[in-house]
Every structure is written in structure tokens, then in C-alpha cells.
Protein backbone atom coordinates (compact mmCIF):
# COMPACT_ATOMS: atom_id res chain seq x y z
CA MET A 1 54.37 -62.71 -29.21
CA PRO A 2 55.07 -65.61 -31.99
CA ARG A 3 58.36 -66.83 -32.35
CA ASN A 4 58.08 -66.38 -36.27
CA TRP A 5 58.15 -62.62 -35.87
CA GLY A 6 61.53 -62.80 -35.17
CA CYS A 7 61.55 -61.47 -31.67
CA GLY A 8 63.21 -64.07 -29.73
CA TRP A 9 64.86 -63.08 -26.35
CA ARG A 10 68.11 -62.61 -27.83
CA THR A 11 68.67 -58.78 -28.70
CA ARG A 12 71.03 -57.79 -31.75
CA GLY A 13 72.02 -54.40 -30.01
CA GLY A 14 71.26 -52.71 -26.79
CA PRO A 15 68.00 -52.60 -24.84
CA ARG A 16 64.73 -53.43 -26.27
CA ILE A 17 62.70 -50.91 -24.41
CA GLU A 18 63.42 -47.33 -24.16
CA ASP A 19 61.79 -44.57 -22.08
CA ARG A 20 61.81 -41.48 -24.03
CA GLY A 21 60.02 -39.34 -21.76
CA SER A 22 56.82 -38.66 -23.74
CA GLN A 23 56.67 -42.26 -25.04
CA ILE A 24 58.10 -45.78 -24.47
CA THR A 25 59.58 -47.40 -27.39
CA PHE A 26 59.90 -51.16 -27.88
CA SER A 27 62.48 -51.96 -30.61
CA ALA A 28 62.31 -55.85 -31.42
CA LEU A 29 65.92 -56.29 -32.15
CA GLY A 30 67.32 -53.64 -29.61
CA GLN A 31 67.90 -50.05 -30.05
CA GLN A 32 71.52 -50.16 -31.60
CA ALA A 33 70.77 -53.05 -33.79
CA PRO A 34 72.90 -52.80 -37.09
CA VAL A 35 70.87 -51.09 -39.80
CA GLU A 36 71.19 -54.19 -42.16
CA ILE A 37 69.65 -56.42 -39.67
CA ARG A 38 66.99 -54.22 -39.00
CA GLU A 39 66.15 -53.59 -42.53
CA ARG A 40 65.93 -57.53 -43.33
CA TRP A 41 64.02 -58.23 -40.22
CA ASP A 42 60.75 -56.72 -41.58
CA PRO A 43 61.10 -55.27 -44.99
CA ASP A 44 57.08 -55.30 -45.80
CA GLY A 45 56.04 -53.94 -42.36
CA ALA A 46 53.97 -57.11 -41.58
CA LYS A 47 55.63 -57.98 -38.38
CA ARG A 48 55.91 -54.35 -37.02
CA ASN A 49 52.09 -53.92 -37.65
CA GLY A 50 51.36 -57.25 -36.25
CA LEU A 51 53.26 -55.99 -33.09
CA VAL A 52 51.12 -52.76 -33.12
CA ARG A 53 47.95 -54.62 -33.33
CA ALA A 54 48.89 -57.06 -30.47
CA VAL A 55 50.12 -54.14 -28.12
CA ALA A 56 47.21 -51.96 -28.92
CA ALA A 57 44.73 -54.70 -28.12
CA ASP A 58 46.62 -55.15 -24.52
CA LEU A 59 46.52 -51.29 -24.06
CA PRO A 60 43.41 -49.87 -25.49
CA GLU A 61 43.76 -46.52 -23.61
CA LEU A 62 47.19 -45.66 -25.02
CA GLU A 63 48.19 -44.77 -28.55
CA VAL A 64 50.49 -47.53 -30.24
CA ARG A 65 52.12 -46.54 -33.54
CA ALA A 66 54.73 -48.23 -35.70
CA GLY A 67 58.03 -46.37 -35.21
CA GLY A 68 61.35 -47.01 -36.79
CA THR A 69 62.12 -50.30 -39.02
CA THR A 70 61.73 -52.44 -35.97
CA SER A 71 59.99 -50.52 -33.36
CA VAL A 72 56.68 -49.76 -31.90
CA ASP A 73 55.98 -46.40 -30.10
CA ILE A 74 53.37 -46.29 -27.15
CA SER A 75 52.27 -42.83 -25.83
CA LEU A 76 49.19 -41.18 -24.12
CA ARG A 77 46.38 -40.64 -26.61
CA GLY A 78 46.78 -37.01 -27.71
CA TYR A 79 50.61 -36.80 -26.80
CA ASP A 80 51.94 -37.34 -30.23
CA LYS A 81 53.77 -35.48 -32.70
CA ALA A 82 50.80 -33.45 -33.58
CA PHE A 83 50.73 -32.20 -29.91
CA ALA A 84 54.53 -31.25 -30.26
CA ILE A 85 53.71 -29.19 -33.65
CA ARG A 86 50.97 -27.42 -32.00
CA GLU A 87 53.20 -26.60 -28.81
CA LEU A 88 56.04 -25.48 -30.95
CA ALA A 89 53.67 -23.19 -32.89
CA SER A 90 52.26 -21.66 -29.73
CA SER A 91 55.47 -21.13 -28.28
CA LEU A 92 56.84 -19.40 -31.41
CA ASP A 93 53.40 -17.63 -31.90
CA LEU A 94 53.42 -19.26 -35.61
CA PRO A 95 50.52 -20.79 -37.26
CA VAL A 96 50.76 -24.55 -37.43
CA ASP A 97 51.36 -24.63 -41.40
CA ARG A 98 54.61 -22.30 -41.07
CA ILE A 99 56.36 -25.02 -39.22
CA MET A 100 57.97 -27.68 -41.43
CA PHE A 101 58.13 -31.33 -39.83
CA VAL A 102 60.46 -34.00 -41.63
CA GLY A 103 59.79 -37.81 -41.05
CA ASP A 104 59.74 -41.06 -42.66
CA ARG A 105 56.61 -42.56 -41.42
CA MET A 106 54.15 -40.29 -42.97
CA SER A 107 51.38 -42.94 -43.90
CA PRO A 108 48.25 -43.22 -41.63
CA ASP A 109 49.82 -45.96 -39.43
CA GLY A 110 53.05 -44.39 -39.18
CA ASN A 111 54.35 -42.37 -36.01
CA ASP A 112 55.01 -39.28 -38.12
CA TYR A 113 51.52 -39.12 -39.54
CA PRO A 114 50.02 -36.96 -36.36
CA ALA A 115 52.45 -33.79 -37.47
CA ALA A 116 51.53 -34.06 -41.12
CA GLU A 117 47.82 -34.38 -40.16
CA ALA A 118 48.14 -31.16 -37.64
CA GLY A 119 48.68 -29.18 -40.60
CA SER A 120 52.44 -28.87 -40.65
CA LEU A 121 54.49 -28.78 -43.85
CA ALA A 122 55.22 -32.30 -43.88
CA VAL A 123 58.14 -33.59 -45.89
CA ARG A 124 58.68 -37.06 -46.35
CA VAL A 125 62.32 -38.67 -46.26
CA THR A 126 63.48 -41.94 -46.68
CA GLY A 127 66.07 -41.89 -44.21
CA PRO A 128 69.15 -39.99 -42.74
CA GLU A 129 71.17 -39.47 -46.00
CA ASP A 130 67.83 -38.11 -47.44
CA THR A 131 67.42 -35.73 -44.36
CA ALA A 132 70.80 -34.39 -44.71
CA ARG A 133 70.29 -34.02 -48.39
CA LEU A 134 66.93 -32.03 -47.67
CA CYS A 135 68.81 -29.98 -44.85
CA ASP A 136 71.62 -29.04 -47.47
CA GLU A 137 69.29 -27.79 -50.05
CA LEU A 138 67.41 -25.74 -47.39
CA ILE A 139 70.41 -24.24 -46.25
CA ALA A 140 71.53 -23.30 -49.93
CA ARG A 141 68.38 -21.76 -50.55
CA LEU A 142 68.49 -19.73 -47.48
CA SER A 143 72.16 -18.62 -47.82
């Protein structure tokens, strides 16, 4: 990985690699790097997208997507958020379009895109505060 990507061997917060069960996540600055540092590291997504291309070239049999502000998610092809939405719909005996999915990476290169593409009601948020605001609005409507 090129040094100018800012991924030297020194982490900024916690481990860089996390086994999340259904995927492996690589976080360039570490899992618990401060938000301010993560946001400054790659404001236009160029570094993360470069990492995605590099990892995808080495692991063509796996799905590789940009995750959070500094992360790359790696999973088996087909075991993504679309799979989770379809499984949830099946378990609840609901059509997929009755499930709301909330995420911040809904563009085609984002890790939330498969859930939107699966046909769920996809709602894009900008971060945790926006998610809390959306939840407050939904609870108020349903109360």
C-alpha cells in the first residue's frame, strides 16, 4: 500500500482488522480512531477507493466495498446487506419493500448499496446524529 495513502504502520486507535463474522473490515487508521482524524484522512474518498481497487484486484473471488470513513469491507460474494435484508424479510414473512434500511453509503460503490438495490425502503443518513433524528421522527409519527 503506498505510503502517501496515509496508512503507515502506526495506528490511530485500536486494531485495523476486525472479524465481524459475516465480513472482515480493514480500518486504515484503526477501529477506534478519533472521528476528527478519520474525517480528515480521506475527505473525497480517493484513498479508500484506491484501497478497494487494490484489495479487489488481489481477492477477485470476494466482494470488496468501501465501508466507513476509513474502512474497507471484505465478504463472500452474495453475503452482503442485500442478503441480510432478504433473510429478514423471509424470517418475518414480509415483502422486502416493507423493510426500512438506514445507511450512509448508498452510492453504487458503498457498502449500504446492496440493501437499497435489494428493494428495501432505503433511507440515506449522514451519520449517527442524523440517524438519531430520523429515529425520533419515526417514533413521534408512530406514537
